[in-house]
Protein backbone atom coordinates (compact mmCIF):
# COMPACT_ATOMS: atom_id res chain seq x y z
CA MET A 1 -12.78 2.56 19.53
CA ASN A 2 -12.69 5.82 17.64
CA ALA A 3 -9.65 7.94 16.83
CA ALA A 4 -10.24 10.41 19.66
CA GLU A 5 -10.28 7.59 22.21
CA ALA A 6 -7.11 6.14 20.70
CA ARG A 7 -5.29 9.48 20.85
CA ALA A 8 -6.15 9.78 24.55
CA LEU A 9 -4.25 6.57 25.33
CA SER A 10 -0.54 6.39 26.09
CA ALA A 11 1.82 4.48 23.82
CA ASP A 12 1.97 1.54 26.24
CA GLN A 13 -1.82 1.39 26.47
CA ILE A 14 -2.07 1.41 22.68
CA LYS A 15 0.41 -1.47 22.45
CA ASP A 16 -1.56 -3.46 25.02
CA GLU A 17 -4.79 -2.81 23.14
CA LEU A 18 -3.12 -3.89 19.88
CA VAL A 19 -2.11 -7.19 21.46
CA ASN A 20 -5.68 -7.78 22.63
CA LEU A 21 -7.14 -6.92 19.23
CA LYS A 22 -4.69 -9.18 17.41
CA LYS A 23 -5.67 -12.06 19.71
CA GLU A 24 -9.33 -11.34 19.01
CA GLN A 25 -8.62 -11.18 15.28
CA PHE A 26 -6.92 -14.59 15.43
CA ASN A 27 -9.88 -16.08 17.30
CA LEU A 28 -12.34 -14.58 14.82
CA ARG A 29 -10.39 -15.97 11.87
CA PHE A 30 -10.31 -19.37 13.55
CA GLN A 31 -14.07 -19.26 14.16
CA GLN A 32 -14.67 -18.21 10.55
CA ALA A 33 -12.57 -21.09 9.24
CA THR A 34 -14.48 -23.61 11.34
CA GLY A 35 -17.86 -22.12 10.48
CA GLN A 36 -18.64 -21.00 14.02
CA LEU A 37 -18.50 -17.24 13.44
CA GLU A 38 -21.89 -15.61 13.92
CA ASN A 39 -21.04 -11.89 13.82
CA THR A 40 -19.07 -11.55 10.59
CA ALA A 41 -19.05 -7.74 10.83
CA ARG A 42 -16.83 -7.98 13.92
CA VAL A 43 -13.91 -9.09 11.70
CA ARG A 44 -14.06 -5.79 9.82
CA VAL A 45 -14.40 -3.72 12.99
CA VAL A 46 -11.40 -5.38 14.64
CA ARG A 47 -9.27 -4.99 11.50
CA ARG A 48 -10.08 -1.29 11.31
CA ASP A 49 -9.44 -0.78 15.02
CA ILE A 50 -6.01 -2.36 14.61
CA ALA A 51 -5.23 -0.05 11.70
CA ARG A 52 -6.50 2.97 13.62
CA LEU A 53 -4.36 2.17 16.66
CA LYS A 54 -1.28 1.57 14.51
CA THR A 55 -1.80 4.93 12.82
CA VAL A 56 -2.16 6.76 16.14
CA LEU A 57 0.90 4.98 17.55
CA LYS A 58 2.98 5.91 14.50
CA THR A 59 1.82 9.52 14.76
CA LYS A 60 2.79 9.66 18.43
CA THR A 61 6.18 8.13 17.63
CA VAL A 62 6.88 10.68 14.89
CA GLU A 63 5.79 13.57 17.08
CA ALA A 64 8.00 12.35 19.92
CA ALA A 65 10.96 12.08 17.55
CA LYS A 66 10.34 15.59 16.24
CA SER A 67 10.20 17.00 19.75
CA GLU A 68 13.46 15.25 20.64
CA THR A 69 15.27 16.69 17.63
CA SER A 70 13.90 20.18 18.20
CA LYS A 71 15.17 20.11 21.80
CA GLY A 72 18.70 19.54 20.56
CA GLU A 73 18.64 22.49 18.17
CA GLY A 74 18.26 25.20 20.85
């Protein structure tokens, strides 16, 4: 998932995707520990996707907070 795709999602969709990626990350770590992991590059991709989604979610949260405070100033 790239940043543009992540920005197109709603906050709830991002949270759901984060849950799925964290489950996948756990499974990949488990496979790596038991020696069953074949695609080692997937670990890196999942970790970066998690970071990307967290960044987009934080940005959306900050923007929402800014818009709420600017509504009260008028």
